Amino acid sequence: MNDIKYCTRCGVKISDINTADYYSHIRIKYCDVCRERANQEQTLLRVHALRKRRREKNKLLDTQLELLKEENALLRDRIIALREQVKQ
């Protein structure tokens, strides 16, 4: 195991096993400045993926809606035709 950890982005020393808690030492990846940037980038990626999933879902819903509209129009026409047959 590494006794000294460095920031994976900028290379600054961020932790020493002799002075830090073991669990915080093995968990830490970034210095304070880089952690903020990394969190922003990860959030941006998450939001981008969420918006992409939402767009795809909305496209499917729109397609289903159009199909249902067509089906309803055909059923309405069929009902009108049946009513006319009954009247005659």
C-alpha atoms as a PDB file:
ATOM      1  CA  MET A   1       0.000   0.000   0.000  1.00  0.00           C
ATOM      2  CA  ASN A   2       1.160   3.532  -0.674  1.00  0.00           C
ATOM      3  CA  ASP A   3       2.278   5.364   2.442  1.00  0.00           C
ATOM      4  CA  ILE A   4       1.871   8.721   0.767  1.00  0.00           C
ATOM      5  CA  LYS A   5      -1.028   9.588  -1.541  1.00  0.00           C
ATOM      6  CA  TYR A   6      -0.983  12.237  -4.214  1.00  0.00           C
ATOM      7  CA  CYS A   7      -3.853  13.959  -6.006  1.00  0.00           C
ATOM      8  CA  THR A   8      -4.641  12.068  -9.198  1.00  0.00           C
ATOM      9  CA  ARG A   9      -5.185  15.338 -11.078  1.00  0.00           C
ATOM     10  CA  CYS A  10      -2.484  17.764  -9.994  1.00  0.00           C
ATOM     11  CA  GLY A  11      -0.026  15.544  -8.106  1.00  0.00           C
ATOM     12  CA  VAL A  12      -0.070  17.443  -4.804  1.00  0.00           C
ATOM     13  CA  LYS A  13       0.549  15.390  -1.663  1.00  0.00           C
ATOM     14  CA  ILE A  14      -2.824  14.881   0.026  1.00  0.00           C
ATOM     15  CA  SER A  15      -2.367  12.187   2.649  1.00  0.00           C
ATOM     16  CA  ASP A  16       0.254  10.340   4.669  1.00  0.00           C
ATOM     17  CA  ILE A  17      -0.608   7.016   6.299  1.00  0.00           C
ATOM     18  CA  ASN A  18       1.352   7.943   9.420  1.00  0.00           C
ATOM     19  CA  THR A  19      -0.619  11.123  10.125  1.00  0.00           C
ATOM     20  CA  ALA A  20      -4.057  10.364   8.650  1.00  0.00           C
ATOM     21  CA  ASP A  21      -6.874   8.027   9.567  1.00  0.00           C
ATOM     22  CA  TYR A  22      -6.524   4.749   7.638  1.00  0.00           C
ATOM     23  CA  TYR A  23      -9.992   4.833   6.074  1.00  0.00           C
ATOM     24  CA  SER A  24      -9.754   8.446   4.963  1.00  0.00           C
ATOM     25  CA  HIS A  25      -6.292   7.686   3.584  1.00  0.00           C
ATOM     26  CA  ILE A  26      -7.481   4.813   1.372  1.00  0.00           C
ATOM     27  CA  ARG A  27     -10.564   6.742   0.218  1.00  0.00           C
ATOM     28  CA  ILE A  28      -9.085  10.112  -0.710  1.00  0.00           C
ATOM     29  CA  LYS A  29      -8.302  10.727  -4.394  1.00  0.00           C
ATOM     30  CA  TYR A  30      -8.172  14.479  -4.923  1.00  0.00           C
ATOM     31  CA  CYS A  31      -6.941  17.602  -3.170  1.00  0.00           C
ATOM     32  CA  ASP A  32      -9.567  20.119  -2.037  1.00  0.00           C
ATOM     33  CA  VAL A  33      -9.387  22.236  -5.201  1.00  0.00           C
ATOM     34  CA  CYS A  34      -9.487  19.276  -7.570  1.00  0.00           C
ATOM     35  CA  ARG A  35     -12.282  17.617  -5.579  1.00  0.00           C
ATOM     36  CA  GLU A  36     -14.577  20.558  -6.321  1.00  0.00           C
ATOM     37  CA  ARG A  37     -13.763  20.386 -10.023  1.00  0.00           C
ATOM     38  CA  ALA A  38     -14.176  16.604 -10.083  1.00  0.00           C
ATOM     39  CA  ASN A  39     -17.556  16.861  -8.346  1.00  0.00           C
ATOM     40  CA  GLN A  40     -18.704  19.468 -10.871  1.00  0.00           C
ATOM     41  CA  GLU A  41     -17.609  17.295 -13.789  1.00  0.00           C
ATOM     42  CA  GLN A  42     -19.269  14.195 -12.354  1.00  0.00           C
ATOM     43  CA  THR A  43     -22.466  16.151 -11.740  1.00  0.00           C
ATOM     44  CA  LEU A  44     -22.361  17.458 -15.292  1.00  0.00           C
ATOM     45  CA  LEU A  45     -22.007  13.908 -16.636  1.00  0.00           C
ATOM     46  CA  ARG A  46     -24.861  12.648 -14.460  1.00  0.00           C
ATOM     47  CA  VAL A  47     -27.154  15.467 -15.575  1.00  0.00           C
ATOM     48  CA  HIS A  48     -26.219  14.906 -19.211  1.00  0.00           C
ATOM     49  CA  ALA A  49     -27.034  11.191 -18.925  1.00  0.00           C
ATOM     50  CA  LEU A  50     -30.308  11.964 -17.136  1.00  0.00           C
ATOM     51  CA  ARG A  51     -31.359  14.412 -19.840  1.00  0.00           C
ATOM     52  CA  LYS A  52     -30.477  11.894 -22.551  1.00  0.00           C
ATOM     53  CA  ARG A  53     -32.554   9.178 -20.860  1.00  0.00           C
ATOM     54  CA  ARG A  54     -35.431  11.626 -20.418  1.00  0.00           C
ATOM     55  CA  ARG A  55     -35.291  12.628 -24.116  1.00  0.00           C
ATOM     56  CA  GLU A  56     -35.398   8.978 -25.198  1.00  0.00           C
ATOM     57  CA  LYS A  57     -38.291   8.285 -22.838  1.00  0.00           C
ATOM     58  CA  ASN A  58     -40.208  11.303 -24.139  1.00  0.00           C
ATOM     59  CA  LYS A  59     -39.651  10.187 -27.736  1.00  0.00           C
ATOM     60  CA  LEU A  60     -41.140   6.787 -26.919  1.00  0.00           C
ATOM     61  CA  LEU A  61     -44.081   8.399 -25.148  1.00  0.00           C
ATOM     62  CA  ASP A  62     -44.696  10.710 -28.119  1.00  0.00           C
ATOM     63  CA  THR A  63     -44.623   7.748 -30.494  1.00  0.00           C
ATOM     64  CA  GLN A  64     -47.103   5.840 -28.349  1.00  0.00           C
ATOM     65  CA  LEU A  65     -49.329   8.899 -28.132  1.00  0.00           C
ATOM     66  CA  GLU A  66     -49.403   9.288 -31.909  1.00  0.00           C
ATOM     67  CA  LEU A  67     -50.258   5.604 -32.358  1.00  0.00           C
ATOM     68  CA  LEU A  68     -53.065   5.874 -29.823  1.00  0.00           C
ATOM     69  CA  LYS A  69     -54.438   8.969 -31.565  1.00  0.00           C
ATOM     70  CA  GLU A  70     -54.519   7.096 -34.866  1.00  0.00           C
ATOM     71  CA  GLU A  71     -56.177   4.105 -33.248  1.00  0.00           C
ATOM     72  CA  ASN A  72     -58.804   6.308 -31.592  1.00  0.00           C
ATOM     73  CA  ALA A  73     -59.573   8.035 -34.880  1.00  0.00           C
ATOM     74  CA  LEU A  74     -60.047   4.661 -36.599  1.00  0.00           C
ATOM     75  CA  LEU A  75     -62.256   3.418 -33.781  1.00  0.00           C
ATOM     76  CA  ARG A  76     -64.355   6.603 -33.918  1.00  0.00           C
ATOM     77  CA  ASP A  77     -64.841   6.134 -37.657  1.00  0.00           C
ATOM     78  CA  ARG A  78     -65.794   2.506 -37.101  1.00  0.00           C
ATOM     79  CA  ILE A  79     -68.326   3.456 -34.410  1.00  0.00           C
ATOM     80  CA  ILE A  80     -69.870   6.088 -36.698  1.00  0.00           C
ATOM     81  CA  ALA A  81     -70.128   3.532 -39.510  1.00  0.00           C
ATOM     82  CA  LEU A  82     -71.780   0.991 -37.180  1.00  0.00           C
ATOM     83  CA  ARG A  83     -74.284   3.601 -35.943  1.00  0.00           C
ATOM     84  CA  GLU A  84     -75.201   4.430 -39.530  1.00  0.00           C
ATOM     85  CA  GLN A  85     -75.742   0.725 -40.291  1.00  0.00           C
ATOM     86  CA  VAL A  86     -78.009   0.391 -37.250  1.00  0.00           C
ATOM     87  CA  LYS A  87     -80.102   3.431 -38.313  1.00  0.00           C
ATOM     88  CA  GLN A  88     -80.745   1.959 -41.771  1.00  0.00           C
END
